[in-house]
Amino acid sequence: MLAQGRRWWWQAGLMGLVLLVCWSRIAIGVHWPLDVLVGAALGWAIALFCVRRQWPAWPAAWTPSLLRGLGLVLLLYSGWKLWSQSPNEAYVLFNLLTSLTALQLLRPKKNGA
């Protein structure tokens, strides 16, 4: 849903991020491959349903504020998790990718969106 209406490289980057998160869940042993595939398929189906139905229907002006709020929450949470625990490599990678995604959401857009 974040990639909707973006350039191809933005969509490819988000897809790569999704694949890294899926792989990390398997690599650190917290999920089986089938769990990850079912979760990814379910997430994709829900996103597709929401995009096609234009649901939930909130005013378009709310979207940038909601995305920035999500970015701030993600940034604060991933920073806190990195600061408070002694993480392994996959944990650090996951939280750094989350932080980068959050910073991208918080970045001001050229067109004011």
C-alpha atoms as a PDB file:
ATOM      1  CA  MET A   1       0.000   0.000   0.000  1.00  0.00           C
ATOM      2  CA  LEU A   2       2.939   2.333   0.652  1.00  0.00           C
ATOM      3  CA  ALA A   3       4.215   1.754  -2.883  1.00  0.00           C
ATOM      4  CA  GLN A   4       0.963   2.623  -4.631  1.00  0.00           C
ATOM      5  CA  GLY A   5       1.509   5.372  -7.192  1.00  0.00           C
ATOM      6  CA  ARG A   6       5.281   5.530  -6.631  1.00  0.00           C
ATOM      7  CA  ARG A   7       8.113   5.091  -9.111  1.00  0.00           C
ATOM      8  CA  TRP A   8       9.295   1.588 -10.003  1.00  0.00           C
ATOM      9  CA  TRP A   9      12.538   1.864  -8.002  1.00  0.00           C
ATOM     10  CA  TRP A  10      10.565   2.863  -4.889  1.00  0.00           C
ATOM     11  CA  GLN A  11       8.285  -0.151  -5.354  1.00  0.00           C
ATOM     12  CA  ALA A  12      11.272  -2.442  -5.921  1.00  0.00           C
ATOM     13  CA  GLY A  13      12.956  -1.102  -2.783  1.00  0.00           C
ATOM     14  CA  LEU A  14       9.881  -1.731  -0.661  1.00  0.00           C
ATOM     15  CA  MET A  15       9.512  -5.216  -2.104  1.00  0.00           C
ATOM     16  CA  GLY A  16      13.162  -5.886  -1.274  1.00  0.00           C
ATOM     17  CA  LEU A  17      12.559  -4.676   2.268  1.00  0.00           C
ATOM     18  CA  VAL A  18       9.554  -6.980   2.599  1.00  0.00           C
ATOM     19  CA  LEU A  19      11.606  -9.919   1.346  1.00  0.00           C
ATOM     20  CA  LEU A  20      14.415  -9.132   3.805  1.00  0.00           C
ATOM     21  CA  VAL A  21      11.966  -9.041   6.691  1.00  0.00           C
ATOM     22  CA  CYS A  22      10.426 -12.347   5.582  1.00  0.00           C
ATOM     23  CA  TRP A  23      13.860 -13.929   5.275  1.00  0.00           C
ATOM     24  CA  SER A  24      14.986 -12.573   8.648  1.00  0.00           C
ATOM     25  CA  ARG A  25      11.997 -14.183  10.406  1.00  0.00           C
ATOM     26  CA  ILE A  26      13.077 -17.558   9.031  1.00  0.00           C
ATOM     27  CA  ALA A  27      16.804 -16.933   9.580  1.00  0.00           C
ATOM     28  CA  ILE A  28      16.483 -16.169  13.293  1.00  0.00           C
ATOM     29  CA  GLY A  29      14.210 -19.170  13.757  1.00  0.00           C
ATOM     30  CA  VAL A  30      11.039 -17.495  14.977  1.00  0.00           C
ATOM     31  CA  HIS A  31       8.884 -18.687  12.046  1.00  0.00           C
ATOM     32  CA  TRP A  32       8.731 -21.587   9.642  1.00  0.00           C
ATOM     33  CA  PRO A  33       8.817 -20.812   5.903  1.00  0.00           C
ATOM     34  CA  LEU A  34       5.148 -21.752   5.536  1.00  0.00           C
ATOM     35  CA  ASP A  35       4.191 -19.294   8.310  1.00  0.00           C
ATOM     36  CA  VAL A  36       5.993 -16.503   6.491  1.00  0.00           C
ATOM     37  CA  LEU A  37       4.458 -17.375   3.118  1.00  0.00           C
ATOM     38  CA  VAL A  38       0.927 -17.518   4.541  1.00  0.00           C
ATOM     39  CA  GLY A  39       1.428 -14.230   6.407  1.00  0.00           C
ATOM     40  CA  ALA A  40       2.817 -12.526   3.302  1.00  0.00           C
ATOM     41  CA  ALA A  41      -0.035 -13.849   1.136  1.00  0.00           C
ATOM     42  CA  LEU A  42      -2.613 -12.733   3.677  1.00  0.00           C
ATOM     43  CA  GLY A  43      -1.046  -9.270   3.934  1.00  0.00           C
ATOM     44  CA  TRP A  44      -0.934  -8.949   0.152  1.00  0.00           C
ATOM     45  CA  ALA A  45      -4.591  -9.999  -0.168  1.00  0.00           C
ATOM     46  CA  ILE A  46      -5.750  -7.542   2.505  1.00  0.00           C
ATOM     47  CA  ALA A  47      -3.776  -4.691   0.917  1.00  0.00           C
ATOM     48  CA  LEU A  48      -5.163  -5.516  -2.523  1.00  0.00           C
ATOM     49  CA  PHE A  49      -8.704  -5.615  -1.138  1.00  0.00           C
ATOM     50  CA  CYS A  50      -8.262  -2.238   0.577  1.00  0.00           C
ATOM     51  CA  VAL A  51      -6.778  -0.607  -2.538  1.00  0.00           C
ATOM     52  CA  ARG A  52      -9.506  -1.931  -4.834  1.00  0.00           C
ATOM     53  CA  ARG A  53     -12.354  -1.000  -2.500  1.00  0.00           C
ATOM     54  CA  GLN A  54     -10.795   2.348  -1.514  1.00  0.00           C
ATOM     55  CA  TRP A  55     -11.303   1.319   2.088  1.00  0.00           C
ATOM     56  CA  PRO A  56     -10.883   2.636   4.742  1.00  0.00           C
ATOM     57  CA  ALA A  57     -12.243   5.887   3.321  1.00  0.00           C
ATOM     58  CA  TRP A  58     -10.595   8.726   5.189  1.00  0.00           C
ATOM     59  CA  PRO A  59      -9.891  12.133   3.678  1.00  0.00           C
ATOM     60  CA  ALA A  60      -6.851  12.156   1.390  1.00  0.00           C
ATOM     61  CA  ALA A  61      -5.373  15.018   3.400  1.00  0.00           C
ATOM     62  CA  TRP A  62      -4.998  12.695   6.419  1.00  0.00           C
ATOM     63  CA  THR A  63      -2.698  10.219   4.656  1.00  0.00           C
ATOM     64  CA  PRO A  64       0.582  12.223   4.876  1.00  0.00           C
ATOM     65  CA  SER A  65      -0.028  12.926   8.567  1.00  0.00           C
ATOM     66  CA  LEU A  66      -0.854   9.290   9.284  1.00  0.00           C
ATOM     67  CA  LEU A  67       2.255   8.082   7.435  1.00  0.00           C
ATOM     68  CA  ARG A  68       4.458  10.563   9.293  1.00  0.00           C
ATOM     69  CA  GLY A  69       2.907   9.455  12.584  1.00  0.00           C
ATOM     70  CA  LEU A  70       3.596   5.831  11.682  1.00  0.00           C
ATOM     71  CA  GLY A  71       7.172   6.758  10.773  1.00  0.00           C
ATOM     72  CA  LEU A  72       7.697   8.498  14.102  1.00  0.00           C
ATOM     73  CA  VAL A  73       6.316   5.544  16.062  1.00  0.00           C
ATOM     74  CA  LEU A  74       8.487   3.090  14.093  1.00  0.00           C
ATOM     75  CA  LEU A  75      11.589   5.221  14.566  1.00  0.00           C
ATOM     76  CA  LEU A  76      11.087   5.618  18.301  1.00  0.00           C
ATOM     77  CA  TYR A  77      10.256   1.954  18.829  1.00  0.00           C
ATOM     78  CA  SER A  78      13.157   0.563  16.791  1.00  0.00           C
ATOM     79  CA  GLY A  79      15.575   3.010  18.426  1.00  0.00           C
ATOM     80  CA  TRP A  80      14.371   1.981  21.856  1.00  0.00           C
ATOM     81  CA  LYS A  81      14.693  -1.730  21.010  1.00  0.00           C
ATOM     82  CA  LEU A  82      18.242  -1.264  19.718  1.00  0.00           C
ATOM     83  CA  TRP A  83      19.217   0.774  22.767  1.00  0.00           C
ATOM     84  CA  SER A  84      17.641  -1.433  25.448  1.00  0.00           C
ATOM     85  CA  GLN A  85      18.695  -4.973  24.477  1.00  0.00           C
ATOM     86  CA  SER A  86      21.832  -6.787  23.448  1.00  0.00           C
ATOM     87  CA  PRO A  87      20.765  -7.806  19.946  1.00  0.00           C
ATOM     88  CA  ASN A  88      22.083 -10.383  17.504  1.00  0.00           C
ATOM     89  CA  GLU A  89      22.921  -9.545  13.881  1.00  0.00           C
ATOM     90  CA  ALA A  90      19.468 -10.287  12.438  1.00  0.00           C
ATOM     91  CA  TYR A  91      17.821  -8.253  15.186  1.00  0.00           C
ATOM     92  CA  VAL A  92      20.063  -5.273  14.427  1.00  0.00           C
ATOM     93  CA  LEU A  93      19.393  -5.589  10.681  1.00  0.00           C
ATOM     94  CA  PHE A  94      15.638  -5.737  11.202  1.00  0.00           C
ATOM     95  CA  ASN A  95      15.601  -2.679  13.471  1.00  0.00           C
ATOM     96  CA  LEU A  96      17.941  -0.698  11.219  1.00  0.00           C
ATOM     97  CA  LEU A  97      15.718  -1.428   8.212  1.00  0.00           C
ATOM     98  CA  THR A  98      12.714  -0.357  10.272  1.00  0.00           C
ATOM     99  CA  SER A  99      14.528   2.863  11.190  1.00  0.00           C
ATOM    100  CA  LEU A 100      15.398   3.569   7.548  1.00  0.00           C
ATOM    101  CA  THR A 101      11.795   2.987   6.520  1.00  0.00           C
ATOM    102  CA  ALA A 102      10.619   5.328   9.274  1.00  0.00           C
ATOM    103  CA  LEU A 103      13.076   8.021   8.187  1.00  0.00           C
ATOM    104  CA  GLN A 104      11.794   7.695   4.620  1.00  0.00           C
ATOM    105  CA  LEU A 105       8.236   8.228   5.858  1.00  0.00           C
ATOM    106  CA  LEU A 106       9.339  11.285   7.856  1.00  0.00           C
ATOM    107  CA  ARG A 107      11.272  12.851   4.952  1.00  0.00           C
ATOM    108  CA  PRO A 108       9.578  15.940   3.550  1.00  0.00           C
ATOM    109  CA  LYS A 109       8.297  15.448   0.021  1.00  0.00           C
ATOM    110  CA  LYS A 110       9.124  17.847  -2.817  1.00  0.00           C
ATOM    111  CA  ASN A 111       5.502  18.328  -3.822  1.00  0.00           C
ATOM    112  CA  GLY A 112       4.317  18.943  -0.267  1.00  0.00           C
ATOM    113  CA  ALA A 113       2.513  15.590  -0.011  1.00  0.00           C
END
